[in-house]
Amino acid sequence: MAKTNINANIGRSLSQTDRILNYMLEGNSITPGEALRKFGSSRLAARISDIEAKGYIVYRQMVNVQTADGNSARVMQYHII
C-alpha cells in the first residue's frame, strides 16, 4: 500500500537549497557551521552546487572561525554579490 504525505505545508515549504539561496540573496554569507545551525544542512558544498546549477555565481573565500572549544578553524565561506 502506498503511503500518503500528510504534510499540509508541502506545497509551501522551501527546500534547504532555496532557503540557503534566499539567505544569501539577502546579503548574507554562509559557512558550513552556519548552514547546519540555521538550515539543518550538513552538506553545504552540495547545496552551493545546486545553487550554481540554477545559474547563480557563488563566491568563495577561506575564513577563520572560532570553534566551540575555543580554537580556530579555517572553513569555506560562500556569498553571492
N, C-alpha and C. Protein backbone atom coordinates (compact mmCIF):
# COMPACT_ATOMS: atom_id res chain seq x y z
N MET A 1 0.84 -1.17 0.00
CA MET A 1 0.00 0.00 0.00
C MET A 1 0.89 1.25 0.00
N ALA A 2 0.60 2.21 -0.85
CA ALA A 2 1.38 3.45 -0.94
C ALA A 2 1.09 4.36 0.24
N LYS A 3 2.14 5.02 0.69
CA LYS A 3 1.97 5.97 1.79
C LYS A 3 1.60 7.33 1.23
N THR A 4 0.77 8.04 1.95
CA THR A 4 0.35 9.37 1.55
C THR A 4 1.05 10.39 2.42
N ASN A 5 1.58 11.45 1.80
CA ASN A 5 2.22 12.52 2.55
C ASN A 5 1.12 13.39 3.13
N ILE A 6 1.10 13.51 4.46
CA ILE A 6 0.05 14.28 5.11
C ILE A 6 0.54 15.67 5.54
N ASN A 7 1.69 16.09 5.00
CA ASN A 7 2.24 17.41 5.32
C ASN A 7 1.39 18.47 4.64
N ALA A 8 0.68 19.25 5.44
CA ALA A 8 -0.19 20.29 4.90
C ALA A 8 0.59 21.41 4.24
N ASN A 9 1.88 21.55 4.56
CA ASN A 9 2.70 22.64 4.02
C ASN A 9 3.56 22.21 2.84
N ILE A 10 3.32 21.04 2.30
CA ILE A 10 4.22 20.51 1.28
C ILE A 10 4.34 21.44 0.08
N GLY A 11 3.31 22.08 -0.31
CA GLY A 11 3.37 22.99 -1.45
C GLY A 11 3.99 24.33 -1.13
N ARG A 12 4.11 24.67 0.14
CA ARG A 12 4.64 25.98 0.54
C ARG A 12 6.03 25.91 1.13
N SER A 13 6.48 24.74 1.53
CA SER A 13 7.78 24.65 2.18
C SER A 13 8.89 24.76 1.14
N LEU A 14 9.97 25.41 1.53
CA LEU A 14 11.11 25.58 0.64
C LEU A 14 12.16 24.52 0.95
N SER A 15 12.89 24.14 -0.07
CA SER A 15 13.98 23.20 0.13
C SER A 15 15.13 23.89 0.86
N GLN A 16 16.05 23.09 1.39
CA GLN A 16 17.24 23.67 2.01
C GLN A 16 17.96 24.56 1.02
N THR A 17 18.07 24.11 -0.22
CA THR A 17 18.76 24.90 -1.24
C THR A 17 18.11 26.26 -1.40
N ASP A 18 16.78 26.30 -1.49
CA ASP A 18 16.08 27.56 -1.67
C ASP A 18 16.20 28.46 -0.44
N ARG A 19 16.17 27.87 0.75
CA ARG A 19 16.31 28.67 1.96
C ARG A 19 17.71 29.26 2.06
N ILE A 20 18.73 28.47 1.72
CA ILE A 20 20.11 28.98 1.73
C ILE A 20 20.28 30.04 0.66
N LEU A 21 19.73 29.83 -0.52
CA LEU A 21 19.80 30.81 -1.59
C LEU A 21 19.16 32.13 -1.15
N ASN A 22 17.97 32.07 -0.61
CA ASN A 22 17.29 33.29 -0.15
C ASN A 22 18.11 34.01 0.91
N TYR A 23 18.69 33.27 1.83
CA TYR A 23 19.54 33.84 2.87
C TYR A 23 20.72 34.58 2.25
N MET A 24 21.35 33.97 1.25
CA MET A 24 22.49 34.60 0.59
C MET A 24 22.06 35.79 -0.26
N LEU A 25 20.90 35.71 -0.88
CA LEU A 25 20.41 36.84 -1.69
C LEU A 25 20.07 38.05 -0.83
N GLU A 26 19.83 37.84 0.46
CA GLU A 26 19.59 38.94 1.39
C GLU A 26 20.88 39.64 1.79
N GLY A 27 22.02 39.18 1.23
CA GLY A 27 23.31 39.82 1.51
C GLY A 27 24.15 39.10 2.53
N ASN A 28 23.72 37.94 2.97
CA ASN A 28 24.45 37.18 3.99
C ASN A 28 25.44 36.23 3.35
N SER A 29 26.57 36.02 4.01
CA SER A 29 27.49 34.95 3.63
C SER A 29 27.19 33.78 4.56
N ILE A 30 27.71 32.60 4.19
CA ILE A 30 27.39 31.41 4.99
C ILE A 30 28.57 30.45 5.00
N THR A 31 28.77 29.83 6.15
CA THR A 31 29.79 28.79 6.32
C THR A 31 29.07 27.47 6.60
N PRO A 32 29.78 26.36 6.52
CA PRO A 32 29.13 25.07 6.80
C PRO A 32 28.50 25.01 8.20
N GLY A 33 29.15 25.55 9.20
CA GLY A 33 28.59 25.54 10.55
C GLY A 33 27.29 26.33 10.64
N GLU A 34 27.26 27.49 9.98
CA GLU A 34 26.03 28.30 9.97
C GLU A 34 24.91 27.58 9.23
N ALA A 35 25.25 26.92 8.12
CA ALA A 35 24.24 26.18 7.36
C ALA A 35 23.63 25.07 8.19
N LEU A 36 24.46 24.41 8.98
CA LEU A 36 23.95 23.34 9.84
C LEU A 36 23.03 23.91 10.92
N ARG A 37 23.45 24.99 11.58
CA ARG A 37 22.65 25.59 12.65
C ARG A 37 21.36 26.24 12.14
N LYS A 38 21.45 26.97 11.05
CA LYS A 38 20.30 27.75 10.57
C LYS A 38 19.31 26.93 9.73
N PHE A 39 19.86 25.98 8.95
CA PHE A 39 19.01 25.29 7.97
C PHE A 39 19.04 23.76 8.08
N GLY A 40 19.83 23.23 9.00
CA GLY A 40 19.92 21.78 9.15
C GLY A 40 20.65 21.11 8.01
N SER A 41 21.45 21.87 7.28
CA SER A 41 22.16 21.33 6.12
C SER A 41 23.58 20.94 6.51
N SER A 42 23.87 19.66 6.43
CA SER A 42 25.22 19.18 6.74
C SER A 42 26.08 19.06 5.48
N ARG A 43 25.52 19.41 4.33
CA ARG A 43 26.24 19.30 3.06
C ARG A 43 26.15 20.61 2.28
N LEU A 44 26.73 21.68 2.88
CA LEU A 44 26.62 23.00 2.25
C LEU A 44 27.23 23.03 0.86
N ALA A 45 28.38 22.38 0.65
CA ALA A 45 29.00 22.40 -0.67
C ALA A 45 28.06 21.83 -1.74
N ALA A 46 27.30 20.81 -1.39
CA ALA A 46 26.34 20.25 -2.34
C ALA A 46 25.21 21.23 -2.62
N ARG A 47 24.75 21.94 -1.57
CA ARG A 47 23.69 22.93 -1.77
C ARG A 47 24.21 24.09 -2.63
N ILE A 48 25.47 24.48 -2.44
CA ILE A 48 26.07 25.55 -3.25
C ILE A 48 26.13 25.10 -4.70
N SER A 49 26.46 23.85 -4.94
CA SER A 49 26.47 23.31 -6.30
C SER A 49 25.07 23.38 -6.91
N ASP A 50 24.04 23.08 -6.12
CA ASP A 50 22.66 23.19 -6.60
C ASP A 50 22.33 24.64 -6.96
N ILE A 51 22.79 25.57 -6.13
CA ILE A 51 22.53 26.99 -6.39
C ILE A 51 23.23 27.44 -7.67
N GLU A 52 24.46 26.99 -7.87
CA GLU A 52 25.18 27.32 -9.10
C GLU A 52 24.49 26.72 -10.32
N ALA A 53 23.89 25.54 -10.16
CA ALA A 53 23.17 24.90 -11.26
C ALA A 53 21.94 25.72 -11.67
N LYS A 54 21.46 26.55 -10.75
CA LYS A 54 20.33 27.44 -11.05
C LYS A 54 20.79 28.70 -11.78
N GLY A 55 22.11 28.86 -11.95
CA GLY A 55 22.64 29.99 -12.71
C GLY A 55 23.25 31.11 -11.87
N TYR A 56 23.30 30.95 -10.56
CA TYR A 56 23.89 31.98 -9.70
C TYR A 56 25.39 31.80 -9.63
N ILE A 57 26.11 32.92 -9.50
CA ILE A 57 27.56 32.88 -9.30
C ILE A 57 27.81 33.01 -7.82
N VAL A 58 28.46 32.00 -7.25
CA VAL A 58 28.73 31.97 -5.82
C VAL A 58 30.23 32.16 -5.62
N TYR A 59 30.57 33.13 -4.79
CA TYR A 59 31.96 33.43 -4.48
C TYR A 59 32.37 32.69 -3.22
N ARG A 60 33.64 32.30 -3.17
CA ARG A 60 34.17 31.52 -2.05
C ARG A 60 35.39 32.21 -1.48
N GLN A 61 35.56 32.09 -0.16
CA GLN A 61 36.80 32.52 0.47
C GLN A 61 36.99 31.73 1.75
N MET A 62 38.26 31.46 2.04
CA MET A 62 38.59 30.76 3.28
C MET A 62 38.61 31.79 4.41
N VAL A 63 37.98 31.44 5.53
CA VAL A 63 37.94 32.32 6.69
C VAL A 63 38.28 31.52 7.94
N ASN A 64 38.74 32.22 8.96
CA ASN A 64 38.96 31.60 10.26
C ASN A 64 37.71 31.77 11.10
N VAL A 65 37.28 30.70 11.76
CA VAL A 65 36.12 30.76 12.65
C VAL A 65 36.53 30.22 14.01
N GLN A 66 35.88 30.70 15.04
CA GLN A 66 36.11 30.22 16.40
C GLN A 66 35.31 28.94 16.60
N THR A 67 35.95 27.91 17.11
CA THR A 67 35.25 26.66 17.38
C THR A 67 34.70 26.67 18.81
N ALA A 68 33.84 25.73 19.10
CA ALA A 68 33.19 25.66 20.41
C ALA A 68 34.21 25.45 21.53
N ASP A 69 35.33 24.81 21.21
CA ASP A 69 36.34 24.55 22.25
C ASP A 69 37.36 25.68 22.38
N GLY A 70 37.12 26.80 21.70
CA GLY A 70 37.98 27.96 21.83
C GLY A 70 39.11 28.02 20.82
N ASN A 71 39.26 27.00 20.01
CA ASN A 71 40.28 27.01 18.97
C ASN A 71 39.73 27.70 17.73
N SER A 72 40.55 27.80 16.71
CA SER A 72 40.06 28.35 15.46
C SER A 72 40.23 27.31 14.35
N ALA A 73 39.44 27.45 13.33
CA ALA A 73 39.50 26.54 12.19
C ALA A 73 39.29 27.35 10.92
N ARG A 74 39.88 26.89 9.83
CA ARG A 74 39.66 27.55 8.53
C ARG A 74 38.55 26.79 7.81
N VAL A 75 37.56 27.52 7.36
CA VAL A 75 36.45 26.93 6.63
C VAL A 75 36.13 27.78 5.41
N MET A 76 35.41 27.21 4.49
CA MET A 76 34.99 27.94 3.30
C MET A 76 33.75 28.77 3.63
N GLN A 77 33.75 30.00 3.18
CA GLN A 77 32.59 30.89 3.34
C GLN A 77 32.09 31.22 1.92
N TYR A 78 30.79 31.18 1.75
CA TYR A 78 30.17 31.41 0.43
C TYR A 78 29.30 32.65 0.47
N HIS A 79 29.28 33.39 -0.65
CA HIS A 79 28.38 34.53 -0.76
C HIS A 79 28.07 34.83 -2.23
N ILE A 80 26.99 35.55 -2.41
CA ILE A 80 26.56 35.99 -3.73
C ILE A 80 26.62 37.51 -3.73
N ILE A 81 27.21 38.09 -4.77
CA ILE A 81 27.26 39.56 -4.85
C ILE A 81 26.13 40.05 -5.72
